[in-house]
Amino acid sequence: MKQLGIHDYDHDESSTIFKLNRQLELYKLKVVRLAAHSRMGIDDAQKDANRALTTPIAEAMAPGYEKCGLMRGNGSVQKIKAKIEEYVLNRKVKMFRDAIRNVKDVLEDGLKMVDEDVAADIKNIGVTMYGDYILALAEKHESAHRLEEASKREMLGFLERAAEQFK
């Protein structure tokens, strides 16, 4: 307040401060909405990450399923079961490591996107607030300048009238 040249005694009467306070409330609401929106973005990133778990596993299992799909005849169910168990046993470490890495990458990408969006929105709010305060300072400076000019005119008139009394 004091940076704007406004003291406690004129706080309630200042339209500039009223405007700035109103704008500040709007910015606060915008930040609250932004937080809620970012939470939705995080939820979406988590959902995408959950879906990302199955893709690498399905891709890794596809050749094994193809081989099993060619098996026919008596006892094929047991052979297919044994082949899938062997296939998973031989590849499970790499397969699940790739799946977890994919989940991690998808989640990190989603969170990075949310972070960038929030940072851009906060920066925009900051720039807008800065502009509001610069305009308020300019308005206050212009108002003080007009008041000073009016005071000087009034004082000059008073001094001229006083000078006539002493002639």
Protein backbone atom coordinates (compact mmCIF):
# COMPACT_ATOMS: atom_id res chain seq x y z
CA MET A 1 0.00 0.00 0.00
CA LYS A 2 2.71 2.44 0.96
CA GLN A 3 4.55 1.67 -2.27
CA LEU A 4 1.52 2.99 -4.09
CA GLY A 5 1.60 6.15 -2.00
CA ILE A 6 -1.56 5.15 -0.19
CA HIS A 7 -1.75 5.40 3.56
CA ASP A 8 -4.15 3.76 5.97
CA TYR A 9 -6.37 6.83 6.18
CA ASP A 10 -7.30 6.78 2.51
CA HIS A 11 -7.46 2.99 2.03
CA ASP A 12 -11.24 2.77 2.01
CA GLU A 13 -11.70 5.70 -0.34
CA SER A 14 -9.18 4.68 -3.00
CA SER A 15 -10.79 3.39 -6.17
CA THR A 16 -7.36 2.19 -7.28
CA ILE A 17 -6.99 -0.02 -4.23
CA PHE A 18 -10.57 -1.21 -4.62
CA LYS A 19 -9.85 -2.22 -8.23
CA LEU A 20 -6.61 -3.93 -7.26
CA ASN A 21 -8.31 -5.84 -4.44
CA ARG A 22 -11.09 -6.93 -6.79
CA GLN A 23 -8.50 -8.07 -9.35
CA LEU A 24 -6.58 -9.89 -6.62
CA GLU A 25 -9.72 -11.81 -5.64
CA LEU A 26 -10.21 -12.79 -9.29
CA TYR A 27 -6.62 -13.98 -9.50
CA LYS A 28 -7.04 -16.01 -6.31
CA LEU A 29 -10.12 -17.69 -7.78
CA LYS A 30 -8.21 -18.36 -10.98
CA VAL A 31 -5.40 -20.04 -9.02
CA VAL A 32 -7.94 -22.19 -7.14
CA ARG A 33 -9.52 -23.24 -10.45
CA LEU A 34 -6.06 -23.88 -11.85
CA ALA A 35 -5.23 -26.16 -8.91
CA ALA A 36 -8.45 -28.13 -9.45
CA HIS A 37 -7.77 -28.36 -13.17
CA SER A 38 -4.19 -29.52 -12.56
CA ARG A 39 -5.52 -32.22 -10.23
CA MET A 40 -7.70 -33.47 -13.10
CA GLY A 41 -4.60 -33.46 -15.32
CA ILE A 42 -2.73 -35.56 -12.76
CA ASP A 43 -5.66 -37.99 -12.58
CA ASP A 44 -5.62 -38.28 -16.38
CA ALA A 45 -1.86 -38.93 -16.32
CA GLN A 46 -2.41 -41.71 -13.76
CA LYS A 47 -5.14 -43.28 -15.89
CA ASP A 48 -2.88 -43.17 -18.96
CA ALA A 49 -0.07 -44.73 -16.92
CA ASN A 50 -2.37 -47.54 -15.76
CA ARG A 51 -3.31 -48.29 -19.37
CA ALA A 52 0.37 -48.18 -20.38
CA LEU A 53 1.09 -51.29 -18.32
CA THR A 54 -0.67 -53.71 -20.66
CA THR A 55 0.77 -52.58 -24.00
CA PRO A 56 4.41 -53.68 -23.50
CA ILE A 57 3.30 -56.96 -21.93
CA ALA A 58 0.90 -57.68 -24.80
CA GLU A 59 3.62 -56.84 -27.33
CA ALA A 60 6.14 -59.07 -25.56
CA MET A 61 3.65 -61.93 -25.33
CA ALA A 62 2.45 -61.71 -28.96
CA PRO A 63 5.11 -64.05 -30.45
CA GLY A 64 4.41 -66.65 -27.74
CA TYR A 65 0.68 -66.45 -28.37
CA GLU A 66 1.28 -66.85 -32.12
CA LYS A 67 3.27 -70.03 -31.56
CA CYS A 68 0.57 -71.34 -29.24
CA GLY A 69 -2.10 -70.49 -31.78
CA LEU A 70 -0.52 -72.92 -34.24
CA MET A 71 -0.69 -75.85 -31.81
CA ARG A 72 -3.48 -78.32 -32.52
CA GLY A 73 -4.50 -81.80 -31.55
CA ASN A 74 -4.72 -83.96 -28.47
CA GLY A 75 -3.11 -82.48 -25.37
CA SER A 76 -2.67 -79.10 -27.03
CA VAL A 77 -4.21 -77.28 -24.05
CA GLN A 78 -1.53 -78.65 -21.74
CA LYS A 79 1.19 -77.94 -24.33
CA ILE A 80 -0.07 -74.37 -24.79
CA LYS A 81 -0.16 -73.84 -21.04
CA ALA A 82 3.38 -75.19 -20.65
CA LYS A 83 4.63 -73.12 -23.60
CA ILE A 84 3.12 -69.90 -22.17
CA GLU A 85 4.57 -70.63 -18.72
CA GLU A 86 8.00 -71.25 -20.26
CA TYR A 87 7.69 -68.16 -22.44
CA VAL A 88 6.77 -65.96 -19.44
CA LEU A 89 9.46 -67.53 -17.23
CA ASN A 90 12.16 -66.78 -19.82
CA ARG A 91 11.03 -63.20 -20.44
CA LYS A 92 9.29 -62.02 -17.28
CA VAL A 93 12.10 -59.85 -15.90
CA LYS A 94 12.63 -57.94 -19.15
CA MET A 95 8.92 -57.87 -19.94
CA PHE A 96 7.89 -56.39 -16.60
CA ARG A 97 10.90 -54.06 -16.47
CA ASP A 98 9.85 -52.68 -19.88
CA ALA A 99 6.25 -52.41 -18.71
CA ILE A 100 7.23 -50.48 -15.57
CA ARG A 101 9.55 -48.23 -17.57
CA ASN A 102 6.70 -47.52 -19.98
CA VAL A 103 4.34 -46.68 -17.10
CA LYS A 104 6.98 -44.41 -15.57
CA ASP A 105 7.58 -42.63 -18.90
CA VAL A 106 3.87 -42.10 -19.54
CA LEU A 107 3.32 -40.80 -15.99
CA GLU A 108 6.35 -38.48 -16.19
CA ASP A 109 5.18 -37.11 -19.55
CA GLY A 110 1.70 -36.47 -18.18
CA LEU A 111 3.02 -34.76 -15.05
CA LYS A 112 5.46 -32.69 -17.11
CA MET A 113 2.60 -31.53 -19.31
CA VAL A 114 0.52 -30.56 -16.26
CA ASP A 115 3.54 -28.80 -14.75
CA GLU A 116 4.19 -26.82 -17.95
CA ASP A 117 0.53 -25.82 -18.22
CA VAL A 118 0.39 -24.69 -14.59
CA ALA A 119 3.69 -22.80 -14.90
CA ALA A 120 2.46 -21.01 -18.03
CA ASP A 121 -0.85 -20.09 -16.40
CA ILE A 122 0.85 -18.85 -13.21
CA LYS A 123 3.31 -16.82 -15.29
CA ASN A 124 0.39 -15.32 -17.20
CA ILE A 125 -1.33 -14.39 -13.93
CA GLY A 126 1.91 -12.84 -12.67
CA VAL A 127 2.39 -10.78 -15.82
CA THR A 128 -1.21 -9.60 -15.69
CA MET A 129 -0.95 -8.70 -12.00
CA TYR A 130 2.28 -6.83 -12.68
CA GLY A 131 0.50 -4.86 -15.40
CA ASP A 132 -2.38 -4.09 -13.04
CA TYR A 133 -0.02 -2.75 -10.38
CA ILE A 134 2.00 -0.70 -12.88
CA LEU A 135 -1.23 0.86 -14.13
CA ALA A 136 -2.28 1.53 -10.54
CA LEU A 137 1.04 3.22 -9.83
CA ALA A 138 0.73 5.31 -12.98
CA GLU A 139 -2.85 6.23 -12.07
CA LYS A 140 -1.79 7.20 -8.55
CA HIS A 141 1.12 9.25 -9.91
CA GLU A 142 -1.15 11.03 -12.40
CA SER A 143 -3.69 11.68 -9.66
CA ALA A 144 -0.99 13.15 -7.40
CA HIS A 145 0.26 15.30 -10.27
CA ARG A 146 -3.25 16.68 -10.93
CA LEU A 147 -3.76 17.32 -7.21
CA GLU A 148 -0.41 19.12 -7.02
CA GLU A 149 -1.30 21.30 -10.02
CA ALA A 150 -4.67 22.17 -8.54
CA SER A 151 -3.03 22.99 -5.22
CA LYS A 152 -0.44 25.19 -6.93
CA ARG A 153 -3.16 27.07 -8.86
CA GLU A 154 -5.13 27.59 -5.67
CA MET A 155 -2.01 28.73 -3.78
CA LEU A 156 -1.02 31.06 -6.64
CA GLY A 157 -4.47 32.62 -6.59
CA PHE A 158 -4.26 33.04 -2.83
CA LEU A 159 -0.79 34.61 -3.05
CA GLU A 160 -1.91 36.99 -5.82
CA ARG A 161 -4.88 38.12 -3.73
CA ALA A 162 -2.61 38.50 -0.70
CA ALA A 163 -0.11 40.52 -2.76
CA GLU A 164 -2.88 42.93 -3.76
CA GLN A 165 -3.61 43.52 -0.08
CA PHE A 166 -0.02 44.61 0.53
CA LYS A 167 0.25 47.05 -2.40
